[in-house]
N, C-alpha and C. Protein backbone atom coordinates (compact mmCIF):
# COMPACT_ATOMS: atom_id res chain seq x y z
N MET A 1 187.61 74.63 8.57
CA MET A 1 187.99 73.43 9.28
C MET A 1 186.93 73.15 10.35
N SER A 2 186.53 71.93 10.46
CA SER A 2 185.53 71.61 11.49
C SER A 2 186.21 71.40 12.82
N ALA A 3 185.41 71.47 13.88
CA ALA A 3 185.94 71.26 15.22
C ALA A 3 186.47 69.84 15.35
N ALA A 4 185.85 68.87 14.66
CA ALA A 4 186.29 67.48 14.74
C ALA A 4 187.70 67.31 14.19
N ALA A 5 188.04 68.11 13.17
CA ALA A 5 189.38 67.99 12.59
C ALA A 5 190.46 68.46 13.54
N VAL A 6 190.11 69.25 14.52
CA VAL A 6 191.10 69.76 15.47
C VAL A 6 191.40 68.74 16.57
N GLU A 7 190.48 67.82 16.81
CA GLU A 7 190.66 66.84 17.88
C GLU A 7 191.89 65.97 17.61
N ASP A 8 192.69 65.75 18.65
CA ASP A 8 193.89 64.96 18.43
C ASP A 8 193.59 63.46 18.54
N SER A 9 194.57 62.64 18.25
CA SER A 9 194.36 61.19 18.19
C SER A 9 194.21 60.55 19.55
N PHE A 10 194.42 61.27 20.64
CA PHE A 10 194.30 60.70 21.98
C PHE A 10 192.92 60.89 22.58
N GLY A 11 191.98 61.40 21.79
CA GLY A 11 190.63 61.56 22.28
C GLY A 11 190.44 62.77 23.19
N GLN A 12 191.41 63.67 23.21
CA GLN A 12 191.28 64.89 24.01
C GLN A 12 190.21 65.78 23.39
N PRO A 13 189.48 66.52 24.21
CA PRO A 13 188.47 67.40 23.65
C PRO A 13 189.11 68.50 22.80
N THR A 14 188.39 68.94 21.79
CA THR A 14 188.84 70.08 21.00
C THR A 14 188.73 71.33 21.85
N LEU A 15 189.29 72.40 21.36
CA LEU A 15 189.20 73.67 22.06
C LEU A 15 187.73 74.08 22.24
N LEU A 16 186.93 73.90 21.19
CA LEU A 16 185.51 74.24 21.27
C LEU A 16 184.79 73.38 22.30
N GLU A 17 185.09 72.09 22.32
CA GLU A 17 184.46 71.20 23.30
C GLU A 17 184.86 71.59 24.72
N ALA A 18 186.13 71.92 24.91
CA ALA A 18 186.58 72.34 26.23
C ALA A 18 185.89 73.64 26.65
N ALA A 19 185.75 74.58 25.72
CA ALA A 19 185.08 75.85 26.03
C ALA A 19 183.61 75.59 26.39
N GLU A 20 182.96 74.71 25.67
CA GLU A 20 181.56 74.39 25.98
C GLU A 20 181.44 73.74 27.35
N LEU A 21 182.37 72.87 27.70
CA LEU A 21 182.35 72.22 29.02
C LEU A 21 182.53 73.26 30.13
N ILE A 22 183.49 74.16 29.95
CA ILE A 22 183.72 75.21 30.93
C ILE A 22 182.47 76.08 31.08
N ALA A 23 181.88 76.47 29.95
CA ALA A 23 180.68 77.32 29.99
C ALA A 23 179.52 76.62 30.69
N SER A 24 179.41 75.31 30.52
CA SER A 24 178.31 74.58 31.16
C SER A 24 178.50 74.48 32.67
N ARG A 25 179.73 74.54 33.12
CA ARG A 25 180.01 74.41 34.55
C ARG A 25 180.15 75.74 35.27
N LEU A 26 180.38 76.80 34.54
CA LEU A 26 180.55 78.12 35.15
C LEU A 26 179.42 79.03 34.68
N THR A 27 178.25 78.79 35.16
CA THR A 27 177.08 79.56 34.75
C THR A 27 177.31 81.05 34.97
N GLY A 28 176.97 81.82 33.95
CA GLY A 28 177.10 83.26 34.02
C GLY A 28 178.46 83.79 33.61
N HIS A 29 179.44 82.92 33.45
CA HIS A 29 180.76 83.35 33.01
C HIS A 29 180.78 83.46 31.49
N ARG A 30 181.57 84.38 30.97
CA ARG A 30 181.73 84.51 29.52
C ARG A 30 182.97 83.73 29.11
N VAL A 31 182.79 82.78 28.22
CA VAL A 31 183.89 81.95 27.73
C VAL A 31 184.15 82.33 26.28
N GLU A 32 185.40 82.63 25.96
CA GLU A 32 185.80 83.00 24.60
C GLU A 32 187.08 82.24 24.25
N ILE A 33 187.34 82.09 22.96
CA ILE A 33 188.61 81.54 22.49
C ILE A 33 189.24 82.62 21.62
N ILE A 34 190.34 83.17 22.09
CA ILE A 34 191.02 84.24 21.38
C ILE A 34 192.49 83.86 21.24
N GLY A 35 192.96 83.82 20.01
CA GLY A 35 194.34 83.43 19.76
C GLY A 35 194.63 82.01 20.19
N GLY A 36 193.63 81.13 20.06
CA GLY A 36 193.82 79.74 20.44
C GLY A 36 193.83 79.50 21.94
N GLN A 37 193.48 80.51 22.74
CA GLN A 37 193.46 80.40 24.20
C GLN A 37 192.04 80.60 24.71
N ILE A 38 191.62 79.75 25.63
CA ILE A 38 190.32 79.92 26.26
C ILE A 38 190.44 80.99 27.34
N THR A 39 189.55 81.97 27.28
CA THR A 39 189.50 82.99 28.33
C THR A 39 188.13 82.92 29.00
N VAL A 40 188.13 83.07 30.29
CA VAL A 40 186.89 83.00 31.07
C VAL A 40 186.79 84.27 31.90
N THR A 41 185.65 84.94 31.76
CA THR A 41 185.42 86.18 32.49
C THR A 41 184.24 85.98 33.43
N PRO A 42 184.40 86.29 34.71
CA PRO A 42 183.28 86.12 35.64
C PRO A 42 182.15 87.09 35.32
N PRO A 43 180.96 86.84 35.87
CA PRO A 43 179.85 87.76 35.63
C PRO A 43 180.22 89.19 36.00
N ALA A 44 179.74 90.12 35.20
CA ALA A 44 180.04 91.53 35.43
C ALA A 44 179.25 92.06 36.62
N ASP A 45 179.72 93.18 37.17
CA ASP A 45 179.02 93.81 38.28
C ASP A 45 177.84 94.64 37.77
N GLY A 46 177.01 95.11 38.69
CA GLY A 46 175.83 95.89 38.34
C GLY A 46 176.14 97.15 37.55
N PRO A 47 177.13 97.97 37.98
CA PRO A 47 177.45 99.17 37.20
C PRO A 47 177.86 98.87 35.76
N HIS A 48 178.50 97.72 35.52
CA HIS A 48 178.83 97.32 34.14
C HIS A 48 177.55 97.22 33.33
N GLY A 49 176.54 96.56 33.89
CA GLY A 49 175.26 96.42 33.20
C GLY A 49 174.57 97.76 32.98
N GLU A 50 174.69 98.66 33.96
CA GLU A 50 174.09 99.99 33.82
C GLU A 50 174.77 100.77 32.69
N VAL A 51 176.10 100.69 32.61
CA VAL A 51 176.82 101.38 31.54
C VAL A 51 176.37 100.82 30.19
N LEU A 52 176.22 99.51 30.13
CA LEU A 52 175.77 98.88 28.89
C LEU A 52 174.39 99.39 28.49
N THR A 53 173.49 99.50 29.45
CA THR A 53 172.15 100.04 29.18
C THR A 53 172.24 101.49 28.74
N ASP A 54 173.06 102.29 29.44
CA ASP A 54 173.21 103.71 29.08
C ASP A 54 173.80 103.87 27.68
N LEU A 55 174.59 102.91 27.25
CA LEU A 55 175.14 102.93 25.89
C LEU A 55 174.08 102.54 24.87
N MET A 56 173.22 101.60 25.23
CA MET A 56 172.18 101.14 24.30
C MET A 56 171.11 102.19 24.04
N VAL A 57 170.77 102.98 25.03
CA VAL A 57 169.65 103.93 24.90
C VAL A 57 169.81 104.82 23.66
N PRO A 58 170.94 105.52 23.45
CA PRO A 58 171.04 106.37 22.26
C PRO A 58 171.08 105.57 20.95
N LEU A 59 171.61 104.35 21.00
CA LEU A 59 171.62 103.52 19.79
C LEU A 59 170.18 103.16 19.39
N LEU A 60 169.39 102.80 20.37
CA LEU A 60 167.99 102.46 20.10
C LEU A 60 167.20 103.70 19.71
N ALA A 61 167.45 104.82 20.38
CA ALA A 61 166.74 106.07 20.06
C ALA A 61 167.02 106.53 18.63
N ALA A 62 168.19 106.20 18.11
CA ALA A 62 168.55 106.57 16.73
C ALA A 62 167.88 105.66 15.71
N GLY A 63 167.17 104.64 16.18
CA GLY A 63 166.45 103.74 15.27
C GLY A 63 167.27 102.59 14.75
N LEU A 64 168.43 102.36 15.33
CA LEU A 64 169.29 101.28 14.82
C LEU A 64 168.65 99.90 14.93
N HIS A 65 167.79 99.70 15.90
CA HIS A 65 167.20 98.38 16.05
C HIS A 65 166.10 98.13 15.01
N ARG A 66 165.68 99.17 14.31
CA ARG A 66 164.71 98.99 13.23
C ARG A 66 165.40 98.70 11.91
N THR A 67 166.54 99.34 11.66
CA THR A 67 167.23 99.17 10.38
C THR A 67 168.24 98.04 10.41
N CYS A 68 168.74 97.72 11.56
CA CYS A 68 169.66 96.61 11.76
C CYS A 68 169.32 96.03 13.13
N ARG A 69 170.24 95.49 13.86
CA ARG A 69 169.94 94.94 15.19
C ARG A 69 171.01 95.39 16.18
N VAL A 70 170.56 95.76 17.38
CA VAL A 70 171.44 96.07 18.50
C VAL A 70 171.28 94.91 19.47
N VAL A 71 172.35 94.13 19.65
CA VAL A 71 172.25 92.91 20.46
C VAL A 71 173.38 92.82 21.46
N GLN A 72 173.10 92.17 22.57
CA GLN A 72 174.10 91.96 23.61
C GLN A 72 174.63 90.53 23.54
N ALA A 73 175.91 90.40 23.79
CA ALA A 73 176.56 89.10 24.06
C ALA A 73 176.27 88.02 23.02
N ILE A 74 176.43 88.36 21.72
CA ILE A 74 176.37 87.30 20.72
C ILE A 74 177.78 87.02 20.23
N GLY A 75 177.99 85.80 19.80
CA GLY A 75 179.31 85.37 19.37
C GLY A 75 179.74 85.99 18.06
N LEU A 76 181.00 86.33 17.99
CA LEU A 76 181.65 86.87 16.80
C LEU A 76 182.75 85.89 16.42
N TRP A 77 182.60 85.21 15.29
CA TRP A 77 183.62 84.26 14.84
C TRP A 77 184.84 85.03 14.39
N LEU A 78 186.02 84.64 14.86
CA LEU A 78 187.25 85.36 14.57
C LEU A 78 188.11 84.59 13.58
N PRO A 79 188.74 85.27 12.64
CA PRO A 79 189.54 84.59 11.63
C PRO A 79 190.92 84.15 12.11
N GLY A 80 191.30 84.48 13.35
CA GLY A 80 192.65 84.20 13.83
C GLY A 80 192.98 82.75 14.07
N GLY A 81 192.00 81.89 14.22
CA GLY A 81 192.26 80.48 14.48
C GLY A 81 191.03 79.67 14.15
N PRO A 82 191.17 78.36 14.04
CA PRO A 82 190.04 77.53 13.62
C PRO A 82 188.89 77.49 14.63
N SER A 83 189.15 77.85 15.87
CA SER A 83 188.10 77.80 16.89
C SER A 83 187.89 79.14 17.59
N ASP A 84 188.51 80.19 17.10
CA ASP A 84 188.47 81.47 17.80
C ASP A 84 187.12 82.17 17.66
N TYR A 85 186.64 82.67 18.77
CA TYR A 85 185.44 83.50 18.79
C TYR A 85 185.48 84.39 20.02
N ALA A 86 184.80 85.52 19.92
CA ALA A 86 184.67 86.44 21.06
C ALA A 86 183.19 86.70 21.28
N VAL A 87 182.88 87.24 22.45
CA VAL A 87 181.50 87.58 22.78
C VAL A 87 181.49 89.03 23.27
N PRO A 88 181.40 89.98 22.33
CA PRO A 88 181.39 91.39 22.74
C PRO A 88 180.19 91.70 23.63
N ASP A 89 180.36 92.69 24.50
CA ASP A 89 179.25 93.10 25.37
C ASP A 89 178.05 93.55 24.55
N LEU A 90 178.30 94.30 23.49
CA LEU A 90 177.22 94.87 22.68
C LEU A 90 177.67 94.92 21.23
N SER A 91 176.74 94.67 20.32
CA SER A 91 177.06 94.73 18.89
C SER A 91 175.92 95.37 18.13
N VAL A 92 176.29 96.06 17.06
CA VAL A 92 175.32 96.49 16.05
C VAL A 92 175.62 95.63 14.84
N VAL A 93 174.61 94.88 14.40
CA VAL A 93 174.79 93.92 13.31
C VAL A 93 173.74 94.15 12.23
N ASP A 94 174.02 93.63 11.05
CA ASP A 94 173.04 93.68 9.96
C ASP A 94 171.76 92.99 10.38
N ALA A 95 170.65 93.43 9.82
CA ALA A 95 169.34 92.85 10.16
C ALA A 95 169.27 91.36 9.86
N ASP A 96 170.01 90.90 8.86
CA ASP A 96 169.96 89.48 8.48
C ASP A 96 171.09 88.65 9.12
N TYR A 97 171.62 89.11 10.25
CA TYR A 97 172.76 88.43 10.86
C TYR A 97 172.49 86.96 11.13
N ARG A 98 171.24 86.61 11.42
CA ARG A 98 170.92 85.20 11.73
C ARG A 98 171.23 84.27 10.56
N ASP A 99 171.24 84.80 9.35
CA ASP A 99 171.56 84.00 8.17
C ASP A 99 173.05 83.74 8.05
N HIS A 100 173.84 84.30 8.95
CA HIS A 100 175.30 84.21 8.85
C HIS A 100 175.92 83.52 10.05
N LEU A 101 175.20 82.56 10.62
CA LEU A 101 175.72 81.77 11.74
C LEU A 101 176.84 80.88 11.23
N ILE A 102 177.95 80.86 11.96
CA ILE A 102 179.07 79.98 11.57
C ILE A 102 179.10 78.76 12.47
N GLU A 103 179.28 78.97 13.76
CA GLU A 103 179.36 77.86 14.70
C GLU A 103 179.29 78.41 16.12
N ARG A 104 178.88 77.57 17.07
CA ARG A 104 178.83 77.92 18.49
C ARG A 104 178.17 79.27 18.76
N ASN A 105 177.03 79.48 18.14
CA ASN A 105 176.29 80.73 18.29
C ASN A 105 177.13 81.95 17.94
N SER A 106 178.06 81.76 17.02
CA SER A 106 178.93 82.85 16.58
C SER A 106 178.66 83.14 15.11
N TYR A 107 178.71 84.43 14.79
CA TYR A 107 178.32 84.89 13.47
C TYR A 107 179.51 85.45 12.70
N ASP A 108 179.36 85.46 11.38
CA ASP A 108 180.37 85.97 10.46
C ASP A 108 180.70 87.42 10.80
N PRO A 109 181.98 87.77 10.91
CA PRO A 109 182.34 89.15 11.24
C PRO A 109 181.83 90.16 10.22
N ALA A 110 181.54 89.73 9.00
CA ALA A 110 181.08 90.65 7.96
C ALA A 110 179.75 91.32 8.31
N VAL A 111 178.96 90.75 9.22
CA VAL A 111 177.65 91.33 9.56
C VAL A 111 177.74 92.32 10.73
N PHE A 112 178.91 92.46 11.34
CA PHE A 112 179.08 93.35 12.49
C PHE A 112 179.46 94.75 12.01
N ARG A 113 178.70 95.75 12.43
CA ARG A 113 178.98 97.14 12.10
C ARG A 113 179.75 97.83 13.22
N LEU A 114 179.50 97.41 14.45
CA LEU A 114 180.14 97.98 15.63
C LEU A 114 180.15 96.92 16.71
N VAL A 115 181.23 96.84 17.45
CA VAL A 115 181.26 96.05 18.68
C VAL A 115 181.69 96.98 19.81
N ALA A 116 181.15 96.73 20.99
CA ALA A 116 181.47 97.56 22.15
C ALA A 116 181.81 96.67 23.33
N GLU A 117 182.79 97.08 24.09
CA GLU A 117 183.15 96.42 25.33
C GLU A 117 183.14 97.46 26.44
N VAL A 118 182.58 97.07 27.56
CA VAL A 118 182.61 97.87 28.78
C VAL A 118 183.61 97.18 29.69
N THR A 119 184.67 97.86 30.06
CA THR A 119 185.74 97.19 30.80
C THR A 119 185.27 96.69 32.16
N SER A 120 185.84 95.56 32.54
CA SER A 120 185.57 94.96 33.85
C SER A 120 186.81 94.20 34.26
N SER A 121 186.66 93.01 34.78
CA SER A 121 187.82 92.25 35.25
C SER A 121 188.74 91.82 34.11
N ASN A 122 188.26 91.87 32.87
CA ASN A 122 189.09 91.51 31.72
C ASN A 122 189.66 92.74 31.03
N TYR A 123 189.98 93.75 31.80
CA TYR A 123 190.41 95.05 31.30
C TYR A 123 191.49 94.94 30.22
N MET A 124 192.55 94.18 30.48
CA MET A 124 193.67 94.12 29.54
C MET A 124 193.25 93.51 28.21
N ALA A 125 192.37 92.52 28.24
CA ALA A 125 191.89 91.93 26.99
C ALA A 125 191.13 92.97 26.17
N ASP A 126 190.29 93.74 26.83
CA ASP A 126 189.47 94.74 26.13
C ASP A 126 190.30 95.83 25.47
N VAL A 127 191.42 96.22 26.09
CA VAL A 127 192.18 97.37 25.57
C VAL A 127 193.46 96.98 24.82
N THR A 128 193.90 95.73 24.93
CA THR A 128 195.13 95.35 24.21
C THR A 128 194.92 94.21 23.22
N ILE A 129 194.23 93.16 23.62
CA ILE A 129 194.07 91.98 22.76
C ILE A 129 192.92 92.15 21.78
N LYS A 130 191.76 92.56 22.28
CA LYS A 130 190.59 92.65 21.42
C LYS A 130 190.72 93.69 20.31
N PRO A 131 191.40 94.81 20.51
CA PRO A 131 191.57 95.70 19.35
C PRO A 131 192.27 95.00 18.18
N MET A 132 193.23 94.15 18.47
CA MET A 132 193.92 93.45 17.39
C MET A 132 193.02 92.43 16.70
N VAL A 133 192.32 91.62 17.51
CA VAL A 133 191.50 90.57 16.89
C VAL A 133 190.27 91.14 16.19
N TYR A 134 189.68 92.21 16.74
CA TYR A 134 188.54 92.83 16.08
C TYR A 134 188.98 93.51 14.78
N ALA A 135 190.14 94.16 14.79
CA ALA A 135 190.65 94.77 13.56
C ALA A 135 190.96 93.70 12.53
N ASP A 136 191.56 92.59 12.97
CA ASP A 136 191.87 91.49 12.06
C ASP A 136 190.60 90.92 11.44
N ALA A 137 189.51 90.94 12.20
CA ALA A 137 188.22 90.45 11.70
C ALA A 137 187.53 91.48 10.81
N GLY A 138 188.07 92.70 10.74
CA GLY A 138 187.51 93.73 9.88
C GLY A 138 186.30 94.44 10.46
N ILE A 139 186.15 94.41 11.80
CA ILE A 139 185.02 95.09 12.43
C ILE A 139 185.24 96.60 12.25
N PRO A 140 184.31 97.31 11.59
CA PRO A 140 184.56 98.71 11.25
C PRO A 140 184.72 99.66 12.44
N VAL A 141 183.97 99.41 13.52
CA VAL A 141 184.00 100.32 14.67
C VAL A 141 184.10 99.49 15.95
N TYR A 142 185.11 99.79 16.76
CA TYR A 142 185.26 99.15 18.07
C TYR A 142 185.20 100.26 19.12
N LEU A 143 184.18 100.19 19.98
CA LEU A 143 183.98 101.18 21.02
C LEU A 143 184.33 100.56 22.37
N ILE A 144 185.19 101.23 23.13
CA ILE A 144 185.60 100.75 24.44
C ILE A 144 185.19 101.78 25.49
N VAL A 145 184.37 101.35 26.43
CA VAL A 145 184.02 102.20 27.56
C VAL A 145 184.97 101.79 28.69
N ASP A 146 185.95 102.64 28.95
CA ASP A 146 187.00 102.36 29.92
C ASP A 146 186.59 102.94 31.28
N ARG A 147 186.00 102.08 32.10
CA ARG A 147 185.53 102.54 33.42
C ARG A 147 186.68 102.85 34.36
N ARG A 148 187.81 102.22 34.17
CA ARG A 148 188.96 102.43 35.06
C ARG A 148 189.53 103.83 34.88
N ASN A 149 189.67 104.25 33.63
CA ASN A 149 190.30 105.54 33.33
C ASN A 149 189.31 106.62 32.92
N LEU A 150 188.01 106.33 33.06
CA LEU A 150 186.94 107.28 32.76
C LEU A 150 187.10 107.93 31.39
N LYS A 151 187.09 107.09 30.37
CA LYS A 151 187.13 107.59 28.99
C LYS A 151 186.43 106.60 28.07
N VAL A 152 186.08 107.08 26.90
CA VAL A 152 185.47 106.24 25.88
C VAL A 152 186.35 106.35 24.64
N MET A 153 186.74 105.20 24.11
CA MET A 153 187.59 105.16 22.93
C MET A 153 186.81 104.60 21.75
N VAL A 154 186.99 105.21 20.59
CA VAL A 154 186.36 104.74 19.37
C VAL A 154 187.48 104.45 18.38
N LEU A 155 187.62 103.18 18.01
CA LEU A 155 188.66 102.75 17.09
C LEU A 155 188.01 102.43 15.75
N THR A 156 188.57 102.97 14.68
CA THR A 156 188.02 102.77 13.34
C THR A 156 189.14 102.53 12.33
N ASP A 157 188.74 102.26 11.11
CA ASP A 157 189.65 102.03 9.98
C ASP A 157 190.58 100.84 10.23
N PRO A 158 190.00 99.63 10.35
CA PRO A 158 190.84 98.45 10.56
C PRO A 158 191.62 98.07 9.31
N GLN A 159 192.92 97.92 9.47
CA GLN A 159 193.79 97.50 8.37
C GLN A 159 194.94 96.68 8.94
N ASN A 160 195.18 95.54 8.33
CA ASN A 160 196.32 94.69 8.70
C ASN A 160 196.40 94.42 10.20
N GLY A 161 195.26 94.09 10.81
CA GLY A 161 195.25 93.70 12.21
C GLY A 161 195.38 94.82 13.21
N GLU A 162 195.13 96.07 12.78
CA GLU A 162 195.15 97.18 13.73
C GLU A 162 194.17 98.26 13.27
N TYR A 163 193.70 99.00 14.24
CA TYR A 163 192.85 100.16 13.94
C TYR A 163 193.75 101.35 13.72
N ARG A 164 193.60 101.99 12.58
CA ARG A 164 194.46 103.11 12.24
C ARG A 164 194.01 104.42 12.87
N VAL A 165 192.73 104.50 13.26
CA VAL A 165 192.22 105.74 13.86
C VAL A 165 191.74 105.43 15.27
N HIS A 166 192.28 106.15 16.24
CA HIS A 166 191.91 106.03 17.65
C HIS A 166 191.43 107.39 18.13
N ALA A 167 190.16 107.48 18.51
CA ALA A 167 189.63 108.72 19.07
C ALA A 167 189.33 108.47 20.54
N VAL A 168 189.85 109.33 21.41
CA VAL A 168 189.67 109.19 22.85
C VAL A 168 188.82 110.35 23.34
N HIS A 169 187.77 110.01 24.09
CA HIS A 169 186.83 111.03 24.58
C HIS A 169 186.77 110.97 26.10
N HIS A 170 186.77 112.15 26.72
CA HIS A 170 186.84 112.27 28.18
C HIS A 170 185.55 112.87 28.74
N PRO A 171 185.37 112.78 30.08
CA PRO A 171 184.18 113.40 30.69
C PRO A 171 184.02 114.85 30.25
N GLY A 172 182.76 115.22 30.04
CA GLY A 172 182.45 116.56 29.57
C GLY A 172 182.35 116.65 28.06
N GLN A 173 182.76 115.59 27.37
CA GLN A 173 182.74 115.62 25.91
C GLN A 173 181.58 114.77 25.36
N SER A 174 181.11 115.18 24.19
CA SER A 174 180.18 114.38 23.40
C SER A 174 180.85 114.14 22.05
N PHE A 175 180.44 113.07 21.37
CA PHE A 175 181.05 112.74 20.08
C PHE A 175 180.06 111.93 19.25
N ALA A 176 180.26 111.99 17.95
CA ALA A 176 179.42 111.25 17.03
C ALA A 176 180.11 109.95 16.64
N LEU A 177 179.33 108.88 16.58
CA LEU A 177 179.84 107.62 16.06
C LEU A 177 179.81 107.69 14.53
N PRO A 178 180.65 106.92 13.86
CA PRO A 178 180.60 106.92 12.39
C PRO A 178 179.22 106.49 11.89
N GLU A 179 178.68 107.22 10.93
CA GLU A 179 177.35 106.91 10.42
C GLU A 179 177.32 105.57 9.68
N SER A 180 178.48 104.99 9.44
CA SER A 180 178.52 103.68 8.80
C SER A 180 177.86 102.60 9.65
N ILE A 181 177.61 102.89 10.92
CA ILE A 181 176.92 101.90 11.76
C ILE A 181 175.44 101.81 11.40
N GLY A 182 174.93 102.79 10.64
CA GLY A 182 173.55 102.71 10.19
C GLY A 182 172.67 103.87 10.60
N ALA A 183 173.17 104.77 11.41
CA ALA A 183 172.39 105.94 11.84
C ALA A 183 173.34 106.96 12.47
N ALA A 184 172.86 108.19 12.58
CA ALA A 184 173.62 109.23 13.26
C ALA A 184 173.39 109.07 14.77
N VAL A 185 174.47 108.84 15.49
CA VAL A 185 174.38 108.64 16.94
C VAL A 185 175.43 109.51 17.61
N THR A 186 174.99 110.33 18.56
CA THR A 186 175.91 111.13 19.36
C THR A 186 175.87 110.59 20.78
N LEU A 187 177.03 110.36 21.36
CA LEU A 187 177.15 109.86 22.72
C LEU A 187 177.78 110.91 23.62
N SER A 188 177.34 110.95 24.85
CA SER A 188 177.93 111.81 25.87
C SER A 188 178.73 110.91 26.80
N VAL A 189 179.99 111.23 26.99
CA VAL A 189 180.84 110.44 27.89
C VAL A 189 180.24 110.43 29.29
N ASP A 190 179.75 111.58 29.75
CA ASP A 190 179.16 111.66 31.09
C ASP A 190 177.96 110.72 31.23
N GLU A 191 177.11 110.67 30.21
CA GLU A 191 175.94 109.81 30.28
C GLU A 191 176.32 108.33 30.22
N VAL A 192 177.28 108.00 29.37
CA VAL A 192 177.71 106.60 29.26
C VAL A 192 178.38 106.12 30.54
N LEU A 193 179.13 107.00 31.19
CA LEU A 193 179.86 106.63 32.40
C LEU A 193 179.11 107.00 33.67
N ALA A 194 177.84 107.38 33.56
CA ALA A 194 177.08 107.82 34.74
C ALA A 194 177.05 106.78 35.83
N ALA A 195 176.97 105.50 35.49
CA ALA A 195 176.90 104.44 36.50
C ALA A 195 178.20 104.30 37.29
N LYS A 196 179.30 104.81 36.75
CA LYS A 196 180.58 104.73 37.43
C LYS A 196 180.63 105.67 38.62
N LYS A 197 179.86 106.74 38.57
CA LYS A 197 179.92 107.77 39.63
C LYS A 197 179.18 107.34 40.86
């Protein structure tokens, strides 16, 4: 369905048009449409960015950016509604992801191997809403860096709108990501959460 088909007969902007207007006026804010609702997240703090960088380093060191792509803040088109999309903090996508653009700088979920969120002011969305929508989209691996509770969660095996496997890792632990992302990657919770300290 096109965005134009969603517009009502009174000339009101579509959800996508409203999201674009909000994004143009709130520079630096992340605008998403999840479950037919526009969500706006203010710019993240510095430690959020540091955690994101600390998460990227082992992914890049494993060669993932050569065999596929490790990218920040690209749109993920969601199957839950005609205008739904999310903007994960970090994604591992197929090398040809650019050939799978759907709309509004958002790409087909089939090209996403992993999405990661580093919790910030949108904490509840990252740990309650996004697991459902990412599983519904069939994203194989959802990684959550929970800065509030000092843990890293890896959700896998999406089926019927939920992740069937939840692995929780705490400070002092290291763990391997599923090799289905394209390479063998081991993460240290202490290193990923170093910016929190």
